[in-house]
């Protein structure tokens, strides 16, 4: 999912972020 890969990338460049996602 895009939010997963975005979070990975933002973590690697030390950018503060939060994720809102849907999951069962």
PDBML (XML) file of the C-alpha atoms, coordinates in Angstrom:
<?xml version="1.0" encoding="UTF-8" ?>
<PDBx:datablock datablockName="MODEL"
   xmlns:PDBx="http://pdbml.pdb.org/schema/pdbx-v50.xsd"
   xmlns:xsi="http://www.w3.org/2001/XMLSchema-instance"
   xsi:schemaLocation="http://pdbml.pdb.org/schema/pdbx-v50.xsd pdbx-v50.xsd">
   <PDBx:atom_siteCategory>
      <PDBx:atom_site id="1">
         <PDBx:B_iso_or_equiv>0.00</PDBx:B_iso_or_equiv>
         <PDBx:Cartn_x>0.000</PDBx:Cartn_x>
         <PDBx:Cartn_y>0.000</PDBx:Cartn_y>
         <PDBx:Cartn_z>0.000</PDBx:Cartn_z>
         <PDBx:auth_asym_id>A</PDBx:auth_asym_id>
         <PDBx:auth_atom_id>CA</PDBx:auth_atom_id>
         <PDBx:auth_comp_id>UNK</PDBx:auth_comp_id>
         <PDBx:auth_seq_id>1</PDBx:auth_seq_id>
         <PDBx:group_PDB>ATOM</PDBx:group_PDB>
         <PDBx:label_alt_id xsi:nil="true" />
         <PDBx:label_asym_id>A</PDBx:label_asym_id>
         <PDBx:label_atom_id>CA</PDBx:label_atom_id>
         <PDBx:label_comp_id>UNK</PDBx:label_comp_id>
         <PDBx:label_entity_id>1</PDBx:label_entity_id>
         <PDBx:label_seq_id>1</PDBx:label_seq_id>
         <PDBx:occupancy>1.00</PDBx:occupancy>
         <PDBx:pdbx_PDB_model_num>1</PDBx:pdbx_PDB_model_num>
         <PDBx:type_symbol>C</PDBx:type_symbol>
      </PDBx:atom_site>
      <PDBx:atom_site id="2">
         <PDBx:B_iso_or_equiv>0.00</PDBx:B_iso_or_equiv>
         <PDBx:Cartn_x>1.125</PDBx:Cartn_x>
         <PDBx:Cartn_y>3.534</PDBx:Cartn_y>
         <PDBx:Cartn_z>-0.778</PDBx:Cartn_z>
         <PDBx:auth_asym_id>A</PDBx:auth_asym_id>
         <PDBx:auth_atom_id>CA</PDBx:auth_atom_id>
         <PDBx:auth_comp_id>UNK</PDBx:auth_comp_id>
         <PDBx:auth_seq_id>2</PDBx:auth_seq_id>
         <PDBx:group_PDB>ATOM</PDBx:group_PDB>
         <PDBx:label_alt_id xsi:nil="true" />
         <PDBx:label_asym_id>A</PDBx:label_asym_id>
         <PDBx:label_atom_id>CA</PDBx:label_atom_id>
         <PDBx:label_comp_id>UNK</PDBx:label_comp_id>
         <PDBx:label_entity_id>1</PDBx:label_entity_id>
         <PDBx:label_seq_id>2</PDBx:label_seq_id>
         <PDBx:occupancy>1.00</PDBx:occupancy>
         <PDBx:pdbx_PDB_model_num>1</PDBx:pdbx_PDB_model_num>
         <PDBx:type_symbol>C</PDBx:type_symbol>
      </PDBx:atom_site>
      <PDBx:atom_site id="3">
         <PDBx:B_iso_or_equiv>0.00</PDBx:B_iso_or_equiv>
         <PDBx:Cartn_x>0.914</PDBx:Cartn_x>
         <PDBx:Cartn_y>4.679</PDBx:Cartn_y>
         <PDBx:Cartn_z>2.847</PDBx:Cartn_z>
         <PDBx:auth_asym_id>A</PDBx:auth_asym_id>
         <PDBx:auth_atom_id>CA</PDBx:auth_atom_id>
         <PDBx:auth_comp_id>UNK</PDBx:auth_comp_id>
         <PDBx:auth_seq_id>3</PDBx:auth_seq_id>
         <PDBx:group_PDB>ATOM</PDBx:group_PDB>
         <PDBx:label_alt_id xsi:nil="true" />
         <PDBx:label_asym_id>A</PDBx:label_asym_id>
         <PDBx:label_atom_id>CA</PDBx:label_atom_id>
         <PDBx:label_comp_id>UNK</PDBx:label_comp_id>
         <PDBx:label_entity_id>1</PDBx:label_entity_id>
         <PDBx:label_seq_id>3</PDBx:label_seq_id>
         <PDBx:occupancy>1.00</PDBx:occupancy>
         <PDBx:pdbx_PDB_model_num>1</PDBx:pdbx_PDB_model_num>
         <PDBx:type_symbol>C</PDBx:type_symbol>
      </PDBx:atom_site>
      <PDBx:atom_site id="4">
         <PDBx:B_iso_or_equiv>0.00</PDBx:B_iso_or_equiv>
         <PDBx:Cartn_x>3.261</PDBx:Cartn_x>
         <PDBx:Cartn_y>1.871</PDBx:Cartn_y>
         <PDBx:Cartn_z>3.889</PDBx:Cartn_z>
         <PDBx:auth_asym_id>A</PDBx:auth_asym_id>
         <PDBx:auth_atom_id>CA</PDBx:auth_atom_id>
         <PDBx:auth_comp_id>UNK</PDBx:auth_comp_id>
         <PDBx:auth_seq_id>4</PDBx:auth_seq_id>
         <PDBx:group_PDB>ATOM</PDBx:group_PDB>
         <PDBx:label_alt_id xsi:nil="true" />
         <PDBx:label_asym_id>A</PDBx:label_asym_id>
         <PDBx:label_atom_id>CA</PDBx:label_atom_id>
         <PDBx:label_comp_id>UNK</PDBx:label_comp_id>
         <PDBx:label_entity_id>1</PDBx:label_entity_id>
         <PDBx:label_seq_id>4</PDBx:label_seq_id>
         <PDBx:occupancy>1.00</PDBx:occupancy>
         <PDBx:pdbx_PDB_model_num>1</PDBx:pdbx_PDB_model_num>
         <PDBx:type_symbol>C</PDBx:type_symbol>
      </PDBx:atom_site>
      <PDBx:atom_site id="5">
         <PDBx:B_iso_or_equiv>0.00</PDBx:B_iso_or_equiv>
         <PDBx:Cartn_x>5.918</PDBx:Cartn_x>
         <PDBx:Cartn_y>2.755</PDBx:Cartn_y>
         <PDBx:Cartn_z>1.325</PDBx:Cartn_z>
         <PDBx:auth_asym_id>A</PDBx:auth_asym_id>
         <PDBx:auth_atom_id>CA</PDBx:auth_atom_id>
         <PDBx:auth_comp_id>UNK</PDBx:auth_comp_id>
         <PDBx:auth_seq_id>5</PDBx:auth_seq_id>
         <PDBx:group_PDB>ATOM</PDBx:group_PDB>
         <PDBx:label_alt_id xsi:nil="true" />
         <PDBx:label_asym_id>A</PDBx:label_asym_id>
         <PDBx:label_atom_id>CA</PDBx:label_atom_id>
         <PDBx:label_comp_id>UNK</PDBx:label_comp_id>
         <PDBx:label_entity_id>1</PDBx:label_entity_id>
         <PDBx:label_seq_id>5</PDBx:label_seq_id>
         <PDBx:occupancy>1.00</PDBx:occupancy>
         <PDBx:pdbx_PDB_model_num>1</PDBx:pdbx_PDB_model_num>
         <PDBx:type_symbol>C</PDBx:type_symbol>
      </PDBx:atom_site>
      <PDBx:atom_site id="6">
         <PDBx:B_iso_or_equiv>0.00</PDBx:B_iso_or_equiv>
         <PDBx:Cartn_x>5.504</PDBx:Cartn_x>
         <PDBx:Cartn_y>6.498</PDBx:Cartn_y>
         <PDBx:Cartn_z>1.971</PDBx:Cartn_z>
         <PDBx:auth_asym_id>A</PDBx:auth_asym_id>
         <PDBx:auth_atom_id>CA</PDBx:auth_atom_id>
         <PDBx:auth_comp_id>UNK</PDBx:auth_comp_id>
         <PDBx:auth_seq_id>6</PDBx:auth_seq_id>
         <PDBx:group_PDB>ATOM</PDBx:group_PDB>
         <PDBx:label_alt_id xsi:nil="true" />
         <PDBx:label_asym_id>A</PDBx:label_asym_id>
         <PDBx:label_atom_id>CA</PDBx:label_atom_id>
         <PDBx:label_comp_id>UNK</PDBx:label_comp_id>
         <PDBx:label_entity_id>1</PDBx:label_entity_id>
         <PDBx:label_seq_id>6</PDBx:label_seq_id>
         <PDBx:occupancy>1.00</PDBx:occupancy>
         <PDBx:pdbx_PDB_model_num>1</PDBx:pdbx_PDB_model_num>
         <PDBx:type_symbol>C</PDBx:type_symbol>
      </PDBx:atom_site>
      <PDBx:atom_site id="7">
         <PDBx:B_iso_or_equiv>0.00</PDBx:B_iso_or_equiv>
         <PDBx:Cartn_x>6.032</PDBx:Cartn_x>
         <PDBx:Cartn_y>5.926</PDBx:Cartn_y>
         <PDBx:Cartn_z>5.687</PDBx:Cartn_z>
         <PDBx:auth_asym_id>A</PDBx:auth_asym_id>
         <PDBx:auth_atom_id>CA</PDBx:auth_atom_id>
         <PDBx:auth_comp_id>UNK</PDBx:auth_comp_id>
         <PDBx:auth_seq_id>7</PDBx:auth_seq_id>
         <PDBx:group_PDB>ATOM</PDBx:group_PDB>
         <PDBx:label_alt_id xsi:nil="true" />
         <PDBx:label_asym_id>A</PDBx:label_asym_id>
         <PDBx:label_atom_id>CA</PDBx:label_atom_id>
         <PDBx:label_comp_id>UNK</PDBx:label_comp_id>
         <PDBx:label_entity_id>1</PDBx:label_entity_id>
         <PDBx:label_seq_id>7</PDBx:label_seq_id>
         <PDBx:occupancy>1.00</PDBx:occupancy>
         <PDBx:pdbx_PDB_model_num>1</PDBx:pdbx_PDB_model_num>
         <PDBx:type_symbol>C</PDBx:type_symbol>
      </PDBx:atom_site>
      <PDBx:atom_site id="8">
         <PDBx:B_iso_or_equiv>0.00</PDBx:B_iso_or_equiv>
         <PDBx:Cartn_x>9.155</PDBx:Cartn_x>
         <PDBx:Cartn_y>3.881</PDBx:Cartn_y>
         <PDBx:Cartn_z>4.927</PDBx:Cartn_z>
         <PDBx:auth_asym_id>A</PDBx:auth_asym_id>
         <PDBx:auth_atom_id>CA</PDBx:auth_atom_id>
         <PDBx:auth_comp_id>UNK</PDBx:auth_comp_id>
         <PDBx:auth_seq_id>8</PDBx:auth_seq_id>
         <PDBx:group_PDB>ATOM</PDBx:group_PDB>
         <PDBx:label_alt_id xsi:nil="true" />
         <PDBx:label_asym_id>A</PDBx:label_asym_id>
         <PDBx:label_atom_id>CA</PDBx:label_atom_id>
         <PDBx:label_comp_id>UNK</PDBx:label_comp_id>
         <PDBx:label_entity_id>1</PDBx:label_entity_id>
         <PDBx:label_seq_id>8</PDBx:label_seq_id>
         <PDBx:occupancy>1.00</PDBx:occupancy>
         <PDBx:pdbx_PDB_model_num>1</PDBx:pdbx_PDB_model_num>
         <PDBx:type_symbol>C</PDBx:type_symbol>
      </PDBx:atom_site>
      <PDBx:atom_site id="9">
         <PDBx:B_iso_or_equiv>0.00</PDBx:B_iso_or_equiv>
         <PDBx:Cartn_x>10.543</PDBx:Cartn_x>
         <PDBx:Cartn_y>6.671</PDBx:Cartn_y>
         <PDBx:Cartn_z>2.752</PDBx:Cartn_z>
         <PDBx:auth_asym_id>A</PDBx:auth_asym_id>
         <PDBx:auth_atom_id>CA</PDBx:auth_atom_id>
         <PDBx:auth_comp_id>UNK</PDBx:auth_comp_id>
         <PDBx:auth_seq_id>9</PDBx:auth_seq_id>
         <PDBx:group_PDB>ATOM</PDBx:group_PDB>
         <PDBx:label_alt_id xsi:nil="true" />
         <PDBx:label_asym_id>A</PDBx:label_asym_id>
         <PDBx:label_atom_id>CA</PDBx:label_atom_id>
         <PDBx:label_comp_id>UNK</PDBx:label_comp_id>
         <PDBx:label_entity_id>1</PDBx:label_entity_id>
         <PDBx:label_seq_id>9</PDBx:label_seq_id>
         <PDBx:occupancy>1.00</PDBx:occupancy>
         <PDBx:pdbx_PDB_model_num>1</PDBx:pdbx_PDB_model_num>
         <PDBx:type_symbol>C</PDBx:type_symbol>
      </PDBx:atom_site>
      <PDBx:atom_site id="10">
         <PDBx:B_iso_or_equiv>0.00</PDBx:B_iso_or_equiv>
         <PDBx:Cartn_x>9.674</PDBx:Cartn_x>
         <PDBx:Cartn_y>9.449</PDBx:Cartn_y>
         <PDBx:Cartn_z>5.214</PDBx:Cartn_z>
         <PDBx:auth_asym_id>A</PDBx:auth_asym_id>
         <PDBx:auth_atom_id>CA</PDBx:auth_atom_id>
         <PDBx:auth_comp_id>UNK</PDBx:auth_comp_id>
         <PDBx:auth_seq_id>10</PDBx:auth_seq_id>
         <PDBx:group_PDB>ATOM</PDBx:group_PDB>
         <PDBx:label_alt_id xsi:nil="true" />
         <PDBx:label_asym_id>A</PDBx:label_asym_id>
         <PDBx:label_atom_id>CA</PDBx:label_atom_id>
         <PDBx:label_comp_id>UNK</PDBx:label_comp_id>
         <PDBx:label_entity_id>1</PDBx:label_entity_id>
         <PDBx:label_seq_id>10</PDBx:label_seq_id>
         <PDBx:occupancy>1.00</PDBx:occupancy>
         <PDBx:pdbx_PDB_model_num>1</PDBx:pdbx_PDB_model_num>
         <PDBx:type_symbol>C</PDBx:type_symbol>
      </PDBx:atom_site>
      <PDBx:atom_site id="11">
         <PDBx:B_iso_or_equiv>0.00</PDBx:B_iso_or_equiv>
         <PDBx:Cartn_x>11.304</PDBx:Cartn_x>
         <PDBx:Cartn_y>7.467</PDBx:Cartn_y>
         <PDBx:Cartn_z>8.017</PDBx:Cartn_z>
         <PDBx:auth_asym_id>A</PDBx:auth_asym_id>
         <PDBx:auth_atom_id>CA</PDBx:auth_atom_id>
         <PDBx:auth_comp_id>UNK</PDBx:auth_comp_id>
         <PDBx:auth_seq_id>11</PDBx:auth_seq_id>
         <PDBx:group_PDB>ATOM</PDBx:group_PDB>
         <PDBx:label_alt_id xsi:nil="true" />
         <PDBx:label_asym_id>A</PDBx:label_asym_id>
         <PDBx:label_atom_id>CA</PDBx:label_atom_id>
         <PDBx:label_comp_id>UNK</PDBx:label_comp_id>
         <PDBx:label_entity_id>1</PDBx:label_entity_id>
         <PDBx:label_seq_id>11</PDBx:label_seq_id>
         <PDBx:occupancy>1.00</PDBx:occupancy>
         <PDBx:pdbx_PDB_model_num>1</PDBx:pdbx_PDB_model_num>
         <PDBx:type_symbol>C</PDBx:type_symbol>
      </PDBx:atom_site>
      <PDBx:atom_site id="12">
         <PDBx:B_iso_or_equiv>0.00</PDBx:B_iso_or_equiv>
         <PDBx:Cartn_x>14.501</PDBx:Cartn_x>
         <PDBx:Cartn_y>7.066</PDBx:Cartn_y>
         <PDBx:Cartn_z>5.983</PDBx:Cartn_z>
         <PDBx:auth_asym_id>A</PDBx:auth_asym_id>
         <PDBx:auth_atom_id>CA</PDBx:auth_atom_id>
         <PDBx:auth_comp_id>UNK</PDBx:auth_comp_id>
         <PDBx:auth_seq_id>12</PDBx:auth_seq_id>
         <PDBx:group_PDB>ATOM</PDBx:group_PDB>
         <PDBx:label_alt_id xsi:nil="true" />
         <PDBx:label_asym_id>A</PDBx:label_asym_id>
         <PDBx:label_atom_id>CA</PDBx:label_atom_id>
         <PDBx:label_comp_id>UNK</PDBx:label_comp_id>
         <PDBx:label_entity_id>1</PDBx:label_entity_id>
         <PDBx:label_seq_id>12</PDBx:label_seq_id>
         <PDBx:occupancy>1.00</PDBx:occupancy>
         <PDBx:pdbx_PDB_model_num>1</PDBx:pdbx_PDB_model_num>
         <PDBx:type_symbol>C</PDBx:type_symbol>
      </PDBx:atom_site>
      <PDBx:atom_site id="13">
         <PDBx:B_iso_or_equiv>0.00</PDBx:B_iso_or_equiv>
         <PDBx:Cartn_x>14.789</PDBx:Cartn_x>
         <PDBx:Cartn_y>10.824</PDBx:Cartn_y>
         <PDBx:Cartn_z>5.432</PDBx:Cartn_z>
         <PDBx:auth_asym_id>A</PDBx:auth_asym_id>
         <PDBx:auth_atom_id>CA</PDBx:auth_atom_id>
         <PDBx:auth_comp_id>UNK</PDBx:auth_comp_id>
         <PDBx:auth_seq_id>13</PDBx:auth_seq_id>
         <PDBx:group_PDB>ATOM</PDBx:group_PDB>
         <PDBx:label_alt_id xsi:nil="true" />
         <PDBx:label_asym_id>A</PDBx:label_asym_id>
         <PDBx:label_atom_id>CA</PDBx:label_atom_id>
         <PDBx:label_comp_id>UNK</PDBx:label_comp_id>
         <PDBx:label_entity_id>1</PDBx:label_entity_id>
         <PDBx:label_seq_id>13</PDBx:label_seq_id>
         <PDBx:occupancy>1.00</PDBx:occupancy>
         <PDBx:pdbx_PDB_model_num>1</PDBx:pdbx_PDB_model_num>
         <PDBx:type_symbol>C</PDBx:type_symbol>
      </PDBx:atom_site>
      <PDBx:atom_site id="14">
         <PDBx:B_iso_or_equiv>0.00</PDBx:B_iso_or_equiv>
         <PDBx:Cartn_x>13.914</PDBx:Cartn_x>
         <PDBx:Cartn_y>11.584</PDBx:Cartn_y>
         <PDBx:Cartn_z>9.074</PDBx:Cartn_z>
         <PDBx:auth_asym_id>A</PDBx:auth_asym_id>
         <PDBx:auth_atom_id>CA</PDBx:auth_atom_id>
         <PDBx:auth_comp_id>UNK</PDBx:auth_comp_id>
         <PDBx:auth_seq_id>14</PDBx:auth_seq_id>
         <PDBx:group_PDB>ATOM</PDBx:group_PDB>
         <PDBx:label_alt_id xsi:nil="true" />
         <PDBx:label_asym_id>A</PDBx:label_asym_id>
         <PDBx:label_atom_id>CA</PDBx:label_atom_id>
         <PDBx:label_comp_id>UNK</PDBx:label_comp_id>
         <PDBx:label_entity_id>1</PDBx:label_entity_id>
         <PDBx:label_seq_id>14</PDBx:label_seq_id>
         <PDBx:occupancy>1.00</PDBx:occupancy>
         <PDBx:pdbx_PDB_model_num>1</PDBx:pdbx_PDB_model_num>
         <PDBx:type_symbol>C</PDBx:type_symbol>
      </PDBx:atom_site>
      <PDBx:atom_site id="15">
         <PDBx:B_iso_or_equiv>0.00</PDBx:B_iso_or_equiv>
         <PDBx:Cartn_x>10.721</PDBx:Cartn_x>
         <PDBx:Cartn_y>13.452</PDBx:Cartn_y>
         <PDBx:Cartn_z>8.233</PDBx:Cartn_z>
         <PDBx:auth_asym_id>A</PDBx:auth_asym_id>
         <PDBx:auth_atom_id>CA</PDBx:auth_atom_id>
         <PDBx:auth_comp_id>UNK</PDBx:auth_comp_id>
         <PDBx:auth_seq_id>15</PDBx:auth_seq_id>
         <PDBx:group_PDB>ATOM</PDBx:group_PDB>
         <PDBx:label_alt_id xsi:nil="true" />
         <PDBx:label_asym_id>A</PDBx:label_asym_id>
         <PDBx:label_atom_id>CA</PDBx:label_atom_id>
         <PDBx:label_comp_id>UNK</PDBx:label_comp_id>
         <PDBx:label_entity_id>1</PDBx:label_entity_id>
         <PDBx:label_seq_id>15</PDBx:label_seq_id>
         <PDBx:occupancy>1.00</PDBx:occupancy>
         <PDBx:pdbx_PDB_model_num>1</PDBx:pdbx_PDB_model_num>
         <PDBx:type_symbol>C</PDBx:type_symbol>
      </PDBx:atom_site>
      <PDBx:atom_site id="16">
         <PDBx:B_iso_or_equiv>0.00</PDBx:B_iso_or_equiv>
         <PDBx:Cartn_x>8.119</PDBx:Cartn_x>
         <PDBx:Cartn_y>13.574</PDBx:Cartn_y>
         <PDBx:Cartn_z>11.028</PDBx:Cartn_z>
         <PDBx:auth_asym_id>A</PDBx:auth_asym_id>
         <PDBx:auth_atom_id>CA</PDBx:auth_atom_id>
         <PDBx:auth_comp_id>UNK</PDBx:auth_comp_id>
         <PDBx:auth_seq_id>16</PDBx:auth_seq_id>
         <PDBx:group_PDB>ATOM</PDBx:group_PDB>
         <PDBx:label_alt_id xsi:nil="true" />
         <PDBx:label_asym_id>A</PDBx:label_asym_id>
         <PDBx:label_atom_id>CA</PDBx:label_atom_id>
         <PDBx:label_comp_id>UNK</PDBx:label_comp_id>
         <PDBx:label_entity_id>1</PDBx:label_entity_id>
         <PDBx:label_seq_id>16</PDBx:label_seq_id>
         <PDBx:occupancy>1.00</PDBx:occupancy>
         <PDBx:pdbx_PDB_model_num>1</PDBx:pdbx_PDB_model_num>
         <PDBx:type_symbol>C</PDBx:type_symbol>
      </PDBx:atom_site>
      <PDBx:atom_site id="17">
         <PDBx:B_iso_or_equiv>0.00</PDBx:B_iso_or_equiv>
         <PDBx:Cartn_x>4.864</PDBx:Cartn_x>
         <PDBx:Cartn_y>12.030</PDBx:Cartn_y>
         <PDBx:Cartn_z>9.873</PDBx:Cartn_z>
         <PDBx:auth_asym_id>A</PDBx:auth_asym_id>
         <PDBx:auth_atom_id>CA</PDBx:auth_atom_id>
         <PDBx:auth_comp_id>UNK</PDBx:auth_comp_id>
         <PDBx:auth_seq_id>17</PDBx:auth_seq_id>
         <PDBx:group_PDB>ATOM</PDBx:group_PDB>
         <PDBx:label_alt_id xsi:nil="true" />
         <PDBx:label_asym_id>A</PDBx:label_asym_id>
         <PDBx:label_atom_id>CA</PDBx:label_atom_id>
         <PDBx:label_comp_id>UNK</PDBx:label_comp_id>
         <PDBx:label_entity_id>1</PDBx:label_entity_id>
         <PDBx:label_seq_id>17</PDBx:label_seq_id>
         <PDBx:occupancy>1.00</PDBx:occupancy>
         <PDBx:pdbx_PDB_model_num>1</PDBx:pdbx_PDB_model_num>
         <PDBx:type_symbol>C</PDBx:type_symbol>
      </PDBx:atom_site>
      <PDBx:atom_site id="18">
         <PDBx:B_iso_or_equiv>0.00</PDBx:B_iso_or_equiv>
         <PDBx:Cartn_x>1.758</PDBx:Cartn_x>
         <PDBx:Cartn_y>10.152</PDBx:Cartn_y>
         <PDBx:Cartn_z>10.934</PDBx:Cartn_z>
         <PDBx:auth_asym_id>A</PDBx:auth_asym_id>
         <PDBx:auth_atom_id>CA</PDBx:auth_atom_id>
         <PDBx:auth_comp_id>UNK</PDBx:auth_comp_id>
         <PDBx:auth_seq_id>18</PDBx:auth_seq_id>
         <PDBx:group_PDB>ATOM</PDBx:group_PDB>
         <PDBx:label_alt_id xsi:nil="true" />
         <PDBx:label_asym_id>A</PDBx:label_asym_id>
         <PDBx:label_atom_id>CA</PDBx:label_atom_id>
         <PDBx:label_comp_id>UNK</PDBx:label_comp_id>
         <PDBx:label_entity_id>1</PDBx:label_entity_id>
         <PDBx:label_seq_id>18</PDBx:label_seq_id>
         <PDBx:occupancy>1.00</PDBx:occupancy>
         <PDBx:pdbx_PDB_model_num>1</PDBx:pdbx_PDB_model_num>
         <PDBx:type_symbol>C</PDBx:type_symbol>
      </PDBx:atom_site>
      <PDBx:atom_site id="19">
         <PDBx:B_iso_or_equiv>0.00</PDBx:B_iso_or_equiv>
         <PDBx:Cartn_x>-0.246</PDBx:Cartn_x>
         <PDBx:Cartn_y>7.539</PDBx:Cartn_y>
         <PDBx:Cartn_z>9.053</PDBx:Cartn_z>
         <PDBx:auth_asym_id>A</PDBx:auth_asym_id>
         <PDBx:auth_atom_id>CA</PDBx:auth_atom_id>
         <PDBx:auth_comp_id>UNK</PDBx:auth_comp_id>
         <PDBx:auth_seq_id>19</PDBx:auth_seq_id>
         <PDBx:group_PDB>ATOM</PDBx:group_PDB>
         <PDBx:label_alt_id xsi:nil="true" />
         <PDBx:label_asym_id>A</PDBx:label_asym_id>
         <PDBx:label_atom_id>CA</PDBx:label_atom_id>
         <PDBx:label_comp_id>UNK</PDBx:label_comp_id>
         <PDBx:label_entity_id>1</PDBx:label_entity_id>
         <PDBx:label_seq_id>19</PDBx:label_seq_id>
         <PDBx:occupancy>1.00</PDBx:occupancy>
         <PDBx:pdbx_PDB_model_num>1</PDBx:pdbx_PDB_model_num>
         <PDBx:type_symbol>C</PDBx:type_symbol>
      </PDBx:atom_site>
      <PDBx:atom_site id="20">
         <PDBx:B_iso_or_equiv>0.00</PDBx:B_iso_or_equiv>
         <PDBx:Cartn_x>-4.004</PDBx:Cartn_x>
         <PDBx:Cartn_y>7.040</PDBx:Cartn_y>
         <PDBx:Cartn_z>8.865</PDBx:Cartn_z>
         <PDBx:auth_asym_id>A</PDBx:auth_asym_id>
         <PDBx:auth_atom_id>CA</PDBx:auth_atom_id>
         <PDBx:auth_comp_id>UNK</PDBx:auth_comp_id>
         <PDBx:auth_seq_id>20</PDBx:auth_seq_id>
         <PDBx:group_PDB>ATOM</PDBx:group_PDB>
         <PDBx:label_alt_id xsi:nil="true" />
         <PDBx:label_asym_id>A</PDBx:label_asym_id>
         <PDBx:label_atom_id>CA</PDBx:label_atom_id>
         <PDBx:label_comp_id>UNK</PDBx:label_comp_id>
         <PDBx:label_entity_id>1</PDBx:label_entity_id>
         <PDBx:label_seq_id>20</PDBx:label_seq_id>
         <PDBx:occupancy>1.00</PDBx:occupancy>
         <PDBx:pdbx_PDB_model_num>1</PDBx:pdbx_PDB_model_num>
         <PDBx:type_symbol>C</PDBx:type_symbol>
      </PDBx:atom_site>
      <PDBx:atom_site id="21">
         <PDBx:B_iso_or_equiv>0.00</PDBx:B_iso_or_equiv>
         <PDBx:Cartn_x>-4.887</PDBx:Cartn_x>
         <PDBx:Cartn_y>3.670</PDBx:Cartn_y>
         <PDBx:Cartn_z>7.362</PDBx:Cartn_z>
         <PDBx:auth_asym_id>A</PDBx:auth_asym_id>
         <PDBx:auth_atom_id>CA</PDBx:auth_atom_id>
         <PDBx:auth_comp_id>UNK</PDBx:auth_comp_id>
         <PDBx:auth_seq_id>21</PDBx:auth_seq_id>
         <PDBx:group_PDB>ATOM</PDBx:group_PDB>
         <PDBx:label_alt_id xsi:nil="true" />
         <PDBx:label_asym_id>A</PDBx:label_asym_id>
         <PDBx:label_atom_id>CA</PDBx:label_atom_id>
         <PDBx:label_comp_id>UNK</PDBx:label_comp_id>
         <PDBx:label_entity_id>1</PDBx:label_entity_id>
         <PDBx:label_seq_id>21</PDBx:label_seq_id>
         <PDBx:occupancy>1.00</PDBx:occupancy>
         <PDBx:pdbx_PDB_model_num>1</PDBx:pdbx_PDB_model_num>
         <PDBx:type_symbol>C</PDBx:type_symbol>
      </PDBx:atom_site>
      <PDBx:atom_site id="22">
         <PDBx:B_iso_or_equiv>0.00</PDBx:B_iso_or_equiv>
         <PDBx:Cartn_x>-7.684</PDBx:Cartn_x>
         <PDBx:Cartn_y>1.140</PDBx:Cartn_y>
         <PDBx:Cartn_z>6.959</PDBx:Cartn_z>
         <PDBx:auth_asym_id>A</PDBx:auth_asym_id>
         <PDBx:auth_atom_id>CA</PDBx:auth_atom_id>
         <PDBx:auth_comp_id>UNK</PDBx:auth_comp_id>
         <PDBx:auth_seq_id>22</PDBx:auth_seq_id>
         <PDBx:group_PDB>ATOM</PDBx:group_PDB>
         <PDBx:label_alt_id xsi:nil="true" />
         <PDBx:label_asym_id>A</PDBx:label_asym_id>
         <PDBx:label_atom_id>CA</PDBx:label_atom_id>
         <PDBx:label_comp_id>UNK</PDBx:label_comp_id>
         <PDBx:label_entity_id>1</PDBx:label_entity_id>
         <PDBx:label_seq_id>22</PDBx:label_seq_id>
         <PDBx:occupancy>1.00</PDBx:occupancy>
         <PDBx:pdbx_PDB_model_num>1</PDBx:pdbx_PDB_model_num>
         <PDBx:type_symbol>C</PDBx:type_symbol>
      </PDBx:atom_site>
      <PDBx:atom_site id="23">
         <PDBx:B_iso_or_equiv>0.00</PDBx:B_iso_or_equiv>
         <PDBx:Cartn_x>-7.152</PDBx:Cartn_x>
         <PDBx:Cartn_y>-2.464</PDBx:Cartn_y>
         <PDBx:Cartn_z>8.014</PDBx:Cartn_z>
         <PDBx:auth_asym_id>A</PDBx:auth_asym_id>
         <PDBx:auth_atom_id>CA</PDBx:auth_atom_id>
         <PDBx:auth_comp_id>UNK</PDBx:auth_comp_id>
         <PDBx:auth_seq_id>23</PDBx:auth_seq_id>
         <PDBx:group_PDB>ATOM</PDBx:group_PDB>
         <PDBx:label_alt_id xsi:nil="true" />
         <PDBx:label_asym_id>A</PDBx:label_asym_id>
         <PDBx:label_atom_id>CA</PDBx:label_atom_id>
         <PDBx:label_comp_id>UNK</PDBx:label_comp_id>
         <PDBx:label_entity_id>1</PDBx:label_entity_id>
         <PDBx:label_seq_id>23</PDBx:label_seq_id>
         <PDBx:occupancy>1.00</PDBx:occupancy>
         <PDBx:pdbx_PDB_model_num>1</PDBx:pdbx_PDB_model_num>
         <PDBx:type_symbol>C</PDBx:type_symbol>
      </PDBx:atom_site>
      <PDBx:atom_site id="24">
         <PDBx:B_iso_or_equiv>0.00</PDBx:B_iso_or_equiv>
         <PDBx:Cartn_x>-9.177</PDBx:Cartn_x>
         <PDBx:Cartn_y>-5.427</PDBx:Cartn_y>
         <PDBx:Cartn_z>9.265</PDBx:Cartn_z>
         <PDBx:auth_asym_id>A</PDBx:auth_asym_id>
         <PDBx:auth_atom_id>CA</PDBx:auth_atom_id>
         <PDBx:auth_comp_id>UNK</PDBx:auth_comp_id>
         <PDBx:auth_seq_id>24</PDBx:auth_seq_id>
         <PDBx:group_PDB>ATOM</PDBx:group_PDB>
         <PDBx:label_alt_id xsi:nil="true" />
         <PDBx:label_asym_id>A</PDBx:label_asym_id>
         <PDBx:label_atom_id>CA</PDBx:label_atom_id>
         <PDBx:label_comp_id>UNK</PDBx:label_comp_id>
         <PDBx:label_entity_id>1</PDBx:label_entity_id>
         <PDBx:label_seq_id>24</PDBx:label_seq_id>
         <PDBx:occupancy>1.00</PDBx:occupancy>
         <PDBx:pdbx_PDB_model_num>1</PDBx:pdbx_PDB_model_num>
         <PDBx:type_symbol>C</PDBx:type_symbol>
      </PDBx:atom_site>
   </PDBx:atom_siteCategory>
</PDBx:datablock>
